[in-house]
Amino acid sequence: MDRTHKRIVEGVENFQDIETKMNAANSAAQKEKYEADLKTQIKKLQRLRDQLKTWQAGTEVKDKGPLLEHRKLIEVVSMPP
């Protein structure tokens, strides 16, 4: 579970970096490439979010606070502006 939390934090950081690069892109081709990279990163984060949902629904995990925090982090990042 710790590895998943680490992957979520790294994924959010990557998403934000790509988004910054996309906003600073000069050409349409660069912008399209970054948009494709963003879509890929969102899909990865959504898969991790689904894993968190599974853990939240189960009874194996007693402290669900960190699960909820990371899930909200993914949902906030992946929402369109």
Protein backbone atom coordinates (compact mmCIF):
# COMPACT_ATOMS: atom_id res chain seq x y z
CA MET A 1 0.00 0.00 0.00
CA ASP A 2 2.90 2.36 0.74
CA ARG A 3 4.22 1.77 -2.76
CA THR A 4 0.84 2.75 -4.20
CA HIS A 5 0.80 5.96 -2.17
CA LYS A 6 4.31 6.77 -3.43
CA ARG A 7 3.23 6.09 -7.03
CA ILE A 8 0.26 8.43 -6.57
CA VAL A 9 2.45 11.27 -5.29
CA GLU A 10 4.92 10.75 -8.16
CA GLY A 11 2.07 10.56 -10.66
CA VAL A 12 0.55 13.82 -9.46
CA GLU A 13 3.95 15.53 -9.66
CA ASN A 14 4.45 14.19 -13.21
CA PHE A 15 0.98 15.37 -14.17
CA GLN A 16 1.67 18.87 -12.90
CA ASP A 17 5.05 18.99 -14.69
CA ILE A 18 3.50 17.91 -17.99
CA GLU A 19 0.67 20.39 -17.57
CA THR A 20 3.17 23.21 -17.00
CA LYS A 21 5.12 22.19 -20.11
CA MET A 22 1.92 22.00 -22.14
CA ASN A 23 0.88 25.50 -21.10
CA ALA A 24 4.33 26.82 -22.03
CA ALA A 25 4.47 25.01 -25.38
CA ASN A 26 5.01 27.21 -28.39
CA SER A 27 3.90 24.97 -31.23
CA ALA A 28 0.71 23.04 -31.75
CA ALA A 29 2.66 19.81 -32.23
CA GLN A 30 4.32 20.16 -28.83
CA LYS A 31 1.00 20.97 -27.22
CA GLU A 32 -0.62 17.87 -28.75
CA LYS A 33 2.23 15.68 -27.52
CA TYR A 34 1.87 17.01 -23.98
CA GLU A 35 -1.91 16.54 -24.13
CA ALA A 36 -1.38 12.89 -25.06
CA ASP A 37 1.09 12.55 -22.18
CA LEU A 38 -1.47 14.09 -19.82
CA LYS A 39 -4.14 11.63 -20.93
CA THR A 40 -1.75 8.75 -20.27
CA GLN A 41 -0.91 10.10 -16.82
CA ILE A 42 -4.59 10.56 -15.99
CA LYS A 43 -5.30 6.95 -16.92
CA LYS A 44 -2.50 5.77 -14.63
CA LEU A 45 -3.84 7.87 -11.77
CA GLN A 46 -7.37 6.63 -12.35
CA ARG A 47 -6.19 3.01 -12.12
CA LEU A 48 -4.50 3.82 -8.82
CA ARG A 49 -7.68 5.56 -7.64
CA ASP A 50 -9.68 2.43 -8.46
CA GLN A 51 -7.26 0.42 -6.33
CA LEU A 52 -7.81 2.84 -3.47
CA LYS A 53 -11.58 2.49 -3.85
CA THR A 54 -11.22 -1.29 -3.59
CA TRP A 55 -9.17 -0.96 -0.41
CA GLN A 56 -11.68 1.50 1.05
CA ALA A 57 -14.56 -0.89 0.41
CA GLY A 58 -12.71 -3.80 2.01
CA THR A 59 -12.30 -4.59 5.67
CA GLU A 60 -8.56 -5.36 5.61
CA VAL A 61 -7.53 -1.72 6.01
CA LYS A 62 -8.48 -0.19 9.35
CA ASP A 63 -7.17 3.37 8.87
CA LYS A 64 -8.88 4.63 5.73
CA GLY A 65 -7.80 8.27 6.19
CA PRO A 66 -4.69 8.12 3.97
CA LEU A 67 -6.68 6.26 1.33
CA LEU A 68 -9.27 9.01 1.25
CA GLU A 69 -6.60 11.75 1.13
CA HIS A 70 -4.80 10.20 -1.83
CA ARG A 71 -8.06 9.48 -3.63
CA LYS A 72 -9.12 13.13 -3.29
CA LEU A 73 -5.68 14.23 -4.50
CA ILE A 74 -6.12 12.23 -7.69
CA GLU A 75 -9.67 13.47 -8.23
CA VAL A 76 -8.67 17.12 -7.80
CA VAL A 77 -5.73 16.82 -10.18
CA SER A 78 -7.56 14.92 -12.89
CA MET A 79 -10.58 17.26 -12.99
CA PRO A 80 -10.57 19.62 -15.96
CA PRO A 81 -10.21 23.32 -15.09
